[in-house]
Amino acid sequence: MGVVFGKSNVEEPAFKVLLDRTSVAVPYQIREYGKRIAVETKMGESDRSPFMKLAGYIGVVGNQPANEGGTAIDMTAPVVRTDGKGTKIAMTAPVVREEGIMQFILPAKYDSLEKAPKPTDATVFLKEIPPSVGAVKQYTGSYDQDLCKKWAIELRQQLREDGVDLSEEYVLQSYQFWGYNPPFTLPMFRRNEVWIPLTKQQAASLIASCGSGESSIN
């Protein structure tokens, strides 16, 4: 019953909070993550839900896990969604809508591609996510792409006010939705996040200019 109200006890990737920017119009954190292993599939590639494909890989649905060896893998959070982006491929070309990607982050014990069971579905892939630093805005509500995009744009504006000016094109190409709750969690209790990757130099600049009076870990 607790998951309906946003409670969760699944594993999440470890991270370090470098800056907790609370006293601004759009509060956010700067986080640093280590290497992670994910399983991913394209969105819109077939009629089958990308979530169900990934759930099949870890063994949440189906007769047995859809991976070599039939190894059951614990569900973790967040579920990562990289929305399809509009890209103009030539001066006279129309805007082309690229397919999005959905990912499950695997438990920390799978710390290399070699340790993770290989998918048996040809449209599901393992991926190594390198160490990264980025800005994260937490919000509640629906999983809707437009809502996530709205928060990405507002987070960009806040970062700009704080001294790091990211182009709108970069933000719209690189932001990700991170969802921590199942669909039956009431929207007002959901923990959703939007992630915008930063360079180490950009993160250091934000910490240097905004760290005073804010929570930070160096």
C-alpha atoms as a PDB file:
ATOM      1  CA  MET A   1       0.000   0.000   0.000  1.00  0.00           C
ATOM      2  CA  GLY A   2       2.895   2.332   0.747  1.00  0.00           C
ATOM      3  CA  VAL A   3       3.983   2.470  -2.903  1.00  0.00           C
ATOM      4  CA  VAL A   4       0.661   4.143  -3.742  1.00  0.00           C
ATOM      5  CA  PHE A   5       1.813   7.027  -1.550  1.00  0.00           C
ATOM      6  CA  GLY A   6       5.345   7.150  -2.919  1.00  0.00           C
ATOM      7  CA  LYS A   7       7.234   4.824  -0.561  1.00  0.00           C
ATOM      8  CA  SER A   8       9.940   2.760  -2.232  1.00  0.00           C
ATOM      9  CA  ASN A   9      12.564   0.314  -0.977  1.00  0.00           C
ATOM     10  CA  VAL A  10      14.286  -0.571  -4.252  1.00  0.00           C
ATOM     11  CA  GLU A  11      17.993  -0.013  -4.845  1.00  0.00           C
ATOM     12  CA  GLU A  12      19.146   3.265  -6.383  1.00  0.00           C
ATOM     13  CA  PRO A  13      22.561   4.131  -7.837  1.00  0.00           C
ATOM     14  CA  ALA A  14      24.912   5.742  -5.335  1.00  0.00           C
ATOM     15  CA  PHE A  15      25.675   9.418  -5.888  1.00  0.00           C
ATOM     16  CA  LYS A  16      27.317  12.373  -4.207  1.00  0.00           C
ATOM     17  CA  VAL A  17      25.499  15.684  -3.796  1.00  0.00           C
ATOM     18  CA  LEU A  18      27.995  18.385  -4.747  1.00  0.00           C
ATOM     19  CA  LEU A  19      25.545  21.263  -4.367  1.00  0.00           C
ATOM     20  CA  ASP A  20      22.014  21.438  -2.943  1.00  0.00           C
ATOM     21  CA  ARG A  21      20.602  24.680  -4.329  1.00  0.00           C
ATOM     22  CA  THR A  22      17.434  25.297  -2.314  1.00  0.00           C
ATOM     23  CA  SER A  23      17.007  29.074  -1.998  1.00  0.00           C
ATOM     24  CA  VAL A  24      16.110  29.771  -5.634  1.00  0.00           C
ATOM     25  CA  ALA A  25      12.988  29.800  -7.804  1.00  0.00           C
ATOM     26  CA  VAL A  26      13.842  26.392  -9.291  1.00  0.00           C
ATOM     27  CA  PRO A  27      15.625  24.340  -6.601  1.00  0.00           C
ATOM     28  CA  TYR A  28      18.070  21.737  -7.867  1.00  0.00           C
ATOM     29  CA  GLN A  29      21.032  19.569  -6.954  1.00  0.00           C
ATOM     30  CA  ILE A  30      24.370  19.017  -8.620  1.00  0.00           C
ATOM     31  CA  ARG A  31      25.075  15.281  -8.374  1.00  0.00           C
ATOM     32  CA  GLU A  32      28.017  13.105  -9.248  1.00  0.00           C
ATOM     33  CA  TYR A  33      27.465   9.471 -10.267  1.00  0.00           C
ATOM     34  CA  GLY A  34      29.952   6.690 -10.827  1.00  0.00           C
ATOM     35  CA  LYS A  35      29.865   4.153 -13.630  1.00  0.00           C
ATOM     36  CA  ARG A  36      26.558   2.321 -14.029  1.00  0.00           C
ATOM     37  CA  ILE A  37      25.349  -0.566 -16.145  1.00  0.00           C
ATOM     38  CA  ALA A  38      21.941  -0.241 -17.784  1.00  0.00           C
ATOM     39  CA  VAL A  39      19.693  -2.303 -20.001  1.00  0.00           C
ATOM     40  CA  GLU A  40      17.880  -0.287 -22.654  1.00  0.00           C
ATOM     41  CA  THR A  41      15.539  -0.415 -25.614  1.00  0.00           C
ATOM     42  CA  LYS A  42      14.177   2.066 -28.121  1.00  0.00           C
ATOM     43  CA  MET A  43      10.762   3.576 -27.594  1.00  0.00           C
ATOM     44  CA  GLY A  44       8.306   3.259 -30.452  1.00  0.00           C
ATOM     45  CA  GLU A  45      10.243   0.497 -32.198  1.00  0.00           C
ATOM     46  CA  SER A  46       7.308  -1.920 -31.982  1.00  0.00           C
ATOM     47  CA  ASP A  47       3.849  -2.248 -30.514  1.00  0.00           C
ATOM     48  CA  ARG A  48       5.264  -3.884 -27.406  1.00  0.00           C
ATOM     49  CA  SER A  49       5.834  -1.503 -24.509  1.00  0.00           C
ATOM     50  CA  PRO A  50       9.513  -0.677 -23.948  1.00  0.00           C
ATOM     51  CA  PHE A  51       8.865  -0.962 -20.213  1.00  0.00           C
ATOM     52  CA  MET A  52       7.537  -4.494 -20.657  1.00  0.00           C
ATOM     53  CA  LYS A  53      10.585  -5.455 -22.726  1.00  0.00           C
ATOM     54  CA  LEU A  54      12.912  -4.319 -19.964  1.00  0.00           C
ATOM     55  CA  ALA A  55      10.713  -5.866 -17.283  1.00  0.00           C
ATOM     56  CA  GLY A  56      10.923  -9.113 -19.240  1.00  0.00           C
ATOM     57  CA  TYR A  57      14.721  -8.927 -19.220  1.00  0.00           C
ATOM     58  CA  ILE A  58      14.919  -8.716 -15.416  1.00  0.00           C
ATOM     59  CA  GLY A  59      12.140 -11.280 -14.949  1.00  0.00           C
ATOM     60  CA  VAL A  60       9.310  -9.147 -13.591  1.00  0.00           C
ATOM     61  CA  VAL A  61       7.011 -10.407 -16.370  1.00  0.00           C
ATOM     62  CA  GLY A  62       6.986 -13.599 -18.425  1.00  0.00           C
ATOM     63  CA  ASN A  63       7.653 -17.214 -17.569  1.00  0.00           C
ATOM     64  CA  GLN A  64      11.358 -16.605 -17.023  1.00  0.00           C
ATOM     65  CA  PRO A  65      13.785 -13.683 -17.387  1.00  0.00           C
ATOM     66  CA  ALA A  66      14.573 -12.865 -21.029  1.00  0.00           C
ATOM     67  CA  ASN A  67      18.319 -13.126 -20.592  1.00  0.00           C
ATOM     68  CA  GLU A  68      20.951 -15.803 -21.096  1.00  0.00           C
ATOM     69  CA  GLY A  69      20.832 -18.073 -18.073  1.00  0.00           C
ATOM     70  CA  GLY A  70      17.346 -16.919 -17.066  1.00  0.00           C
ATOM     71  CA  THR A  71      18.733 -14.867 -14.171  1.00  0.00           C
ATOM     72  CA  ALA A  72      16.180 -12.910 -12.132  1.00  0.00           C
ATOM     73  CA  ILE A  73      17.402  -9.363 -11.464  1.00  0.00           C
ATOM     74  CA  ASP A  74      16.036  -7.030  -8.810  1.00  0.00           C
ATOM     75  CA  MET A  75      14.114  -3.973  -9.944  1.00  0.00           C
ATOM     76  CA  THR A  76      15.883  -0.694  -9.219  1.00  0.00           C
ATOM     77  CA  ALA A  77      15.107   3.008  -9.608  1.00  0.00           C
ATOM     78  CA  PRO A  78      15.049   5.256 -11.471  1.00  0.00           C
ATOM     79  CA  VAL A  79      13.605   4.203 -14.788  1.00  0.00           C
ATOM     80  CA  VAL A  80      15.364   6.480 -17.277  1.00  0.00           C
ATOM     81  CA  ARG A  81      13.681   7.899 -20.360  1.00  0.00           C
ATOM     82  CA  THR A  82      15.482   9.902 -23.007  1.00  0.00           C
ATOM     83  CA  ASP A  83      12.732  11.462 -25.086  1.00  0.00           C
ATOM     84  CA  GLY A  84      12.901  11.504 -28.874  1.00  0.00           C
ATOM     85  CA  LYS A  85      14.403  14.766 -30.019  1.00  0.00           C
ATOM     86  CA  GLY A  86      13.603  16.962 -32.980  1.00  0.00           C
ATOM     87  CA  THR A  87      16.662  17.281 -35.227  1.00  0.00           C
ATOM     88  CA  LYS A  88      17.012  19.318 -38.414  1.00  0.00           C
ATOM     89  CA  ILE A  89      19.312  17.293 -40.658  1.00  0.00           C
ATOM     90  CA  ALA A  90      19.708  19.851 -43.487  1.00  0.00           C
ATOM     91  CA  MET A  91      18.799  23.455 -44.237  1.00  0.00           C
ATOM     92  CA  THR A  92      15.801  22.451 -46.331  1.00  0.00           C
ATOM     93  CA  ALA A  93      14.941  19.282 -44.422  1.00  0.00           C
ATOM     94  CA  PRO A  94      11.995  18.948 -42.067  1.00  0.00           C
ATOM     95  CA  VAL A  95      12.505  18.361 -38.368  1.00  0.00           C
ATOM     96  CA  VAL A  96      12.973  14.623 -37.889  1.00  0.00           C
ATOM     97  CA  ARG A  97      11.670  13.028 -34.704  1.00  0.00           C
ATOM     98  CA  GLU A  98      14.238  10.595 -33.367  1.00  0.00           C
ATOM     99  CA  GLU A  99      13.226   7.607 -31.287  1.00  0.00           C
ATOM    100  CA  GLY A 100      13.594   7.863 -27.536  1.00  0.00           C
ATOM    101  CA  ILE A 101      15.317   5.386 -25.247  1.00  0.00           C
ATOM    102  CA  MET A 102      14.150   3.734 -22.023  1.00  0.00           C
ATOM    103  CA  GLN A 103      16.634   2.289 -19.543  1.00  0.00           C
ATOM    104  CA  PHE A 104      16.631   0.260 -16.350  1.00  0.00           C
ATOM    105  CA  ILE A 105      19.729   0.786 -14.213  1.00  0.00           C
ATOM    106  CA  LEU A 106      20.984  -2.609 -13.036  1.00  0.00           C
ATOM    107  CA  PRO A 107      21.873  -3.322  -9.378  1.00  0.00           C
ATOM    108  CA  ALA A 108      25.342  -2.221  -8.273  1.00  0.00           C
ATOM    109  CA  LYS A 109      26.653  -5.796  -8.191  1.00  0.00           C
ATOM    110  CA  TYR A 110      26.572  -5.702 -12.003  1.00  0.00           C
ATOM    111  CA  ASP A 111      29.508  -3.315 -12.244  1.00  0.00           C
ATOM    112  CA  SER A 112      30.653  -4.362 -15.711  1.00  0.00           C
ATOM    113  CA  LEU A 113      29.040  -5.438 -18.967  1.00  0.00           C
ATOM    114  CA  GLU A 114      30.634  -8.859 -18.582  1.00  0.00           C
ATOM    115  CA  LYS A 115      28.830  -9.508 -15.289  1.00  0.00           C
ATOM    116  CA  ALA A 116      25.360  -8.641 -16.605  1.00  0.00           C
ATOM    117  CA  PRO A 117      23.338 -11.413 -18.311  1.00  0.00           C
ATOM    118  CA  LYS A 118      23.000 -10.854 -22.050  1.00  0.00           C
ATOM    119  CA  PRO A 119      19.451 -10.105 -23.287  1.00  0.00           C
ATOM    120  CA  THR A 120      17.774 -12.705 -25.472  1.00  0.00           C
ATOM    121  CA  ASP A 121      15.547 -10.057 -27.100  1.00  0.00           C
ATOM    122  CA  ALA A 122      17.420  -8.625 -30.097  1.00  0.00           C
ATOM    123  CA  THR A 123      15.935  -5.162 -29.449  1.00  0.00           C
ATOM    124  CA  VAL A 124      17.228  -4.973 -25.864  1.00  0.00           C
ATOM    125  CA  PHE A 125      20.840  -3.965 -25.188  1.00  0.00           C
ATOM    126  CA  LEU A 126      23.272  -3.586 -22.321  1.00  0.00           C
ATOM    127  CA  LYS A 127      25.033  -0.235 -21.979  1.00  0.00           C
ATOM    128  CA  GLU A 128      27.804   1.112 -19.790  1.00  0.00           C
ATOM    129  CA  ILE A 129      27.035   4.609 -18.509  1.00  0.00           C
ATOM    130  CA  PRO A 130      30.300   6.406 -17.695  1.00  0.00           C
ATOM    131  CA  PRO A 131      30.802   8.506 -14.546  1.00  0.00           C
ATOM    132  CA  SER A 132      28.923  11.770 -14.882  1.00  0.00           C
ATOM    133  CA  VAL A 133      27.922  14.984 -13.164  1.00  0.00           C
ATOM    134  CA  GLY A 134      24.717  16.894 -13.768  1.00  0.00           C
ATOM    135  CA  ALA A 135      21.918  19.100 -12.518  1.00  0.00           C
ATOM    136  CA  VAL A 136      18.790  17.423 -11.148  1.00  0.00           C
ATOM    137  CA  LYS A 137      15.386  18.988 -10.537  1.00  0.00           C
ATOM    138  CA  GLN A 138      12.867  16.922  -8.554  1.00  0.00           C
ATOM    139  CA  TYR A 139       9.128  17.299  -9.142  1.00  0.00           C
ATOM    140  CA  THR A 140       5.827  15.470  -8.698  1.00  0.00           C
ATOM    141  CA  GLY A 141       2.981  14.776 -11.103  1.00  0.00           C
ATOM    142  CA  SER A 142       2.630  12.823 -14.311  1.00  0.00           C
ATOM    143  CA  TYR A 143       5.292  11.045 -16.360  1.00  0.00           C
ATOM    144  CA  ASP A 144       4.275  13.202 -19.330  1.00  0.00           C
ATOM    145  CA  GLN A 145       7.060  14.164 -21.736  1.00  0.00           C
ATOM    146  CA  ASP A 146       5.842  17.755 -22.017  1.00  0.00           C
ATOM    147  CA  LEU A 147       5.946  18.215 -18.232  1.00  0.00           C
ATOM    148  CA  CYS A 148       9.507  16.908 -18.078  1.00  0.00           C
ATOM    149  CA  LYS A 149      10.490  19.175 -20.975  1.00  0.00           C
ATOM    150  CA  LYS A 150       8.944  22.159 -19.163  1.00  0.00           C
ATOM    151  CA  TRP A 151      11.050  21.485 -16.080  1.00  0.00           C
ATOM    152  CA  ALA A 152      14.161  20.980 -18.216  1.00  0.00           C
ATOM    153  CA  ILE A 153      13.667  24.433 -19.750  1.00  0.00           C
ATOM    154  CA  GLU A 154      13.047  26.019 -16.331  1.00  0.00           C
ATOM    155  CA  LEU A 155      16.108  24.292 -14.888  1.00  0.00           C
ATOM    156  CA  ARG A 156      18.156  25.620 -17.806  1.00  0.00           C
ATOM    157  CA  GLN A 157      16.993  29.148 -16.980  1.00  0.00           C
ATOM    158  CA  GLN A 158      17.940  28.717 -13.317  1.00  0.00           C
ATOM    159  CA  LEU A 159      21.381  27.418 -14.249  1.00  0.00           C
ATOM    160  CA  ARG A 160      21.765  30.423 -16.538  1.00  0.00           C
ATOM    161  CA  GLU A 161      20.924  32.786 -13.677  1.00  0.00           C
ATOM    162  CA  ASP A 162      23.484  30.942 -11.552  1.00  0.00           C
ATOM    163  CA  GLY A 163      26.213  31.486 -14.135  1.00  0.00           C
ATOM    164  CA  VAL A 164      26.180  28.466 -16.464  1.00  0.00           C
ATOM    165  CA  ASP A 165      24.563  29.272 -19.802  1.00  0.00           C
ATOM    166  CA  LEU A 166      23.544  26.092 -21.625  1.00  0.00           C
ATOM    167  CA  SER A 167      21.985  26.429 -25.055  1.00  0.00           C
ATOM    168  CA  GLU A 168      18.345  25.437 -25.369  1.00  0.00           C
ATOM    169  CA  GLU A 169      19.322  23.080 -28.183  1.00  0.00           C
ATOM    170  CA  TYR A 170      21.787  21.276 -25.913  1.00  0.00           C
ATOM    171  CA  VAL A 171      19.261  20.943 -23.094  1.00  0.00           C
ATOM    172  CA  LEU A 172      16.510  19.608 -25.353  1.00  0.00           C
ATOM    173  CA  GLN A 173      18.936  17.108 -26.881  1.00  0.00           C
ATOM    174  CA  SER A 174      20.393  15.849 -23.610  1.00  0.00           C
ATOM    175  CA  TYR A 175      17.860  16.019 -20.769  1.00  0.00           C
ATOM    176  CA  GLN A 176      16.476  12.813 -19.285  1.00  0.00           C
ATOM    177  CA  PHE A 177      13.391  11.886 -17.288  1.00  0.00           C
ATOM    178  CA  TRP A 178      14.046   9.778 -14.193  1.00  0.00           C
ATOM    179  CA  GLY A 179      11.039   8.060 -12.603  1.00  0.00           C
ATOM    180  CA  TYR A 180      11.216   6.416  -9.183  1.00  0.00           C
ATOM    181  CA  ASN A 181       7.673   5.125  -8.687  1.00  0.00           C
ATOM    182  CA  PRO A 182       5.350   2.632 -10.382  1.00  0.00           C
ATOM    183  CA  PRO A 183       2.416   3.948 -12.438  1.00  0.00           C
ATOM    184  CA  PHE A 184      -0.107   3.256  -9.661  1.00  0.00           C
ATOM    185  CA  THR A 185       1.610   5.698  -7.283  1.00  0.00           C
ATOM    186  CA  LEU A 186      -0.639   8.731  -6.914  1.00  0.00           C
ATOM    187  CA  PRO A 187       0.814  11.575  -9.032  1.00  0.00           C
ATOM    188  CA  MET A 188       1.081  13.959  -6.076  1.00  0.00           C
ATOM    189  CA  PHE A 189       3.366  11.480  -4.273  1.00  0.00           C
ATOM    190  CA  ARG A 190       5.596  10.560  -7.201  1.00  0.00           C
ATOM    191  CA  ARG A 191       9.277  11.341  -7.222  1.00  0.00           C
ATOM    192  CA  ASN A 192      10.145  12.422 -10.735  1.00  0.00           C
ATOM    193  CA  GLU A 193      13.403  14.058 -11.736  1.00  0.00           C
ATOM    194  CA  VAL A 194      14.824  15.782 -14.775  1.00  0.00           C
ATOM    195  CA  TRP A 195      18.569  15.399 -15.365  1.00  0.00           C
ATOM    196  CA  ILE A 196      20.761  17.723 -17.428  1.00  0.00           C
ATOM    197  CA  PRO A 197      24.384  16.575 -17.850  1.00  0.00           C
ATOM    198  CA  LEU A 198      27.138  19.082 -17.090  1.00  0.00           C
ATOM    199  CA  THR A 199      30.875  19.157 -17.563  1.00  0.00           C
ATOM    200  CA  LYS A 200      33.082  19.046 -14.475  1.00  0.00           C
ATOM    201  CA  GLN A 201      34.071  22.636 -15.201  1.00  0.00           C
ATOM    202  CA  GLN A 202      30.438  23.769 -15.292  1.00  0.00           C
ATOM    203  CA  ALA A 203      29.693  21.958 -12.031  1.00  0.00           C
ATOM    204  CA  ALA A 204      32.756  23.495 -10.377  1.00  0.00           C
ATOM    205  CA  SER A 205      31.672  26.955 -11.539  1.00  0.00           C
ATOM    206  CA  LEU A 206      28.225  26.519  -9.995  1.00  0.00           C
ATOM    207  CA  ILE A 207      29.683  25.247  -6.726  1.00  0.00           C
ATOM    208  CA  ALA A 208      32.130  28.154  -6.580  1.00  0.00           C
ATOM    209  CA  SER A 209      29.496  30.810  -7.278  1.00  0.00           C
ATOM    210  CA  CYS A 210      26.507  29.327  -5.429  1.00  0.00           C
ATOM    211  CA  GLY A 211      28.007  27.167  -2.689  1.00  0.00           C
ATOM    212  CA  SER A 212      27.964  29.883  -0.038  1.00  0.00           C
ATOM    213  CA  GLY A 213      24.906  29.357   2.149  1.00  0.00           C
ATOM    214  CA  GLU A 214      24.002  26.140   0.341  1.00  0.00           C
ATOM    215  CA  SER A 215      24.697  22.536   1.238  1.00  0.00           C
ATOM    216  CA  SER A 216      27.695  21.224  -0.676  1.00  0.00           C
ATOM    217  CA  ILE A 217      30.120  18.295  -0.543  1.00  0.00           C
ATOM    218  CA  ASN A 218      33.566  18.655  -2.058  1.00  0.00           C
END
